[in-house]
Amino acid sequence: AGWYISFSGIITFKKWTDDDLLRLVPDDRLLVESDSPYLAPVPFRGKRNEPMWVSHTVNKLASVRETDADGLGRLTASNTGRLFGLAFDAPS
């Protein structure tokens, strides 16, 4: 499988300063995660994290990478399937 890099809600924090890193990861190696119950993304910082809030991480990542959030969500879902050997269709 090689390597993958996954980003969590940390990238939405005001103190996050590594946007260049978000741009450098190749599309086929990119993942996102909720890291629940910890590290809730902005605007839920300080609360118990929920997996449904991973969309805030995807939105931030898409903004920095100057791409569509829905497409990036499908891309990372596909990468997750490939990494874990899961057969599923990413939502279209």
Protein backbone atom coordinates (compact mmCIF):
# COMPACT_ATOMS: atom_id res chain seq x y z
CA ALA A 1 0.00 0.00 0.00
CA GLY A 2 2.92 2.36 0.52
CA TRP A 3 2.29 5.44 2.61
CA TYR A 4 -0.66 7.72 3.25
CA ILE A 5 -1.01 10.95 5.21
CA SER A 6 -4.18 11.72 7.13
CA PHE A 7 -5.30 15.08 8.47
CA SER A 8 -7.68 15.73 11.36
CA GLY A 9 -9.52 18.74 12.76
CA ILE A 10 -6.18 20.23 13.83
CA ILE A 11 -5.88 21.81 10.39
CA THR A 12 -8.89 24.02 11.19
CA PHE A 13 -7.29 25.51 14.33
CA LYS A 14 -6.12 29.14 14.29
CA LYS A 15 -2.62 28.04 15.31
CA TRP A 16 -2.28 25.67 12.32
CA THR A 17 0.50 27.09 10.15
CA ASP A 18 1.44 24.26 7.78
CA ASP A 19 -0.89 24.86 4.82
CA ASP A 20 2.05 24.16 2.49
CA LEU A 21 2.06 20.58 3.78
CA LEU A 22 -1.62 20.23 2.85
CA ARG A 23 -0.75 21.18 -0.73
CA LEU A 24 2.24 18.82 -1.02
CA VAL A 25 0.52 15.49 -0.36
CA PRO A 26 -0.29 13.69 -3.63
CA ASP A 27 -4.00 13.11 -4.26
CA ASP A 28 -3.61 9.32 -4.16
CA ARG A 29 -1.99 9.45 -0.68
CA LEU A 30 -4.40 11.82 1.05
CA LEU A 31 -6.77 10.84 3.87
CA VAL A 32 -8.88 12.69 6.44
CA GLU A 33 -9.98 11.51 9.87
CA SER A 34 -12.15 12.69 12.71
CA ASP A 35 -9.81 11.57 15.53
CA SER A 36 -12.96 11.33 17.65
CA PRO A 37 -13.56 11.91 20.48
CA TYR A 38 -10.62 14.35 20.48
CA LEU A 39 -9.51 17.35 18.41
CA ALA A 40 -12.89 18.62 17.25
CA PRO A 41 -12.58 20.98 14.29
CA VAL A 42 -13.47 24.65 14.42
CA PRO A 43 -16.33 25.62 15.07
CA PHE A 44 -16.72 22.77 17.60
CA ARG A 45 -13.34 23.18 19.28
CA GLY A 46 -13.47 22.26 22.97
CA LYS A 47 -16.42 19.91 22.52
CA ARG A 48 -16.44 16.13 22.25
CA ASN A 49 -15.60 15.43 18.61
CA GLU A 50 -18.07 13.59 16.40
CA PRO A 51 -17.24 11.73 13.16
CA MET A 52 -19.93 13.72 11.31
CA TRP A 53 -17.80 16.85 11.75
CA VAL A 54 -15.03 15.51 9.51
CA SER A 55 -16.64 17.58 6.74
CA HIS A 56 -15.16 20.69 8.36
CA THR A 57 -11.71 19.17 7.95
CA VAL A 58 -12.47 18.31 4.32
CA ASN A 59 -13.71 21.86 3.67
CA LYS A 60 -10.53 23.40 5.08
CA LEU A 61 -8.34 20.97 3.13
CA ALA A 62 -10.26 21.66 -0.09
CA SER A 63 -9.97 25.41 0.43
CA VAL A 64 -6.20 25.25 0.89
CA ARG A 65 -5.78 22.89 -2.06
CA GLU A 66 -8.12 25.10 -4.15
CA THR A 67 -10.43 22.24 -5.08
CA ASP A 68 -14.04 21.17 -4.64
CA ALA A 69 -14.88 19.80 -1.17
CA ASP A 70 -17.32 17.18 -2.51
CA GLY A 71 -14.74 15.91 -4.96
CA LEU A 72 -12.08 15.85 -2.26
CA GLY A 73 -14.45 13.88 -0.02
CA ARG A 74 -14.95 11.30 -2.77
CA LEU A 75 -11.19 11.16 -3.36
CA THR A 76 -10.36 10.55 0.29
CA ALA A 77 -13.16 7.96 0.58
CA SER A 78 -11.70 6.13 -2.41
CA ASN A 79 -8.21 6.29 -0.88
CA THR A 80 -9.58 4.89 2.38
CA GLY A 81 -11.17 2.01 0.52
CA ARG A 82 -7.93 1.25 -1.29
CA LEU A 83 -5.85 1.42 1.90
CA PHE A 84 -8.10 -0.91 3.88
CA GLY A 85 -9.16 -3.14 0.99
CA LEU A 86 -12.80 -2.08 1.23
CA ALA A 87 -15.10 -2.40 -1.74
CA PHE A 88 -17.55 0.48 -1.72
CA ASP A 89 -18.67 3.27 -3.97
CA ALA A 90 -17.91 6.75 -2.71
CA PRO A 91 -21.03 8.94 -2.73
CA SER A 92 -21.41 10.93 -5.92
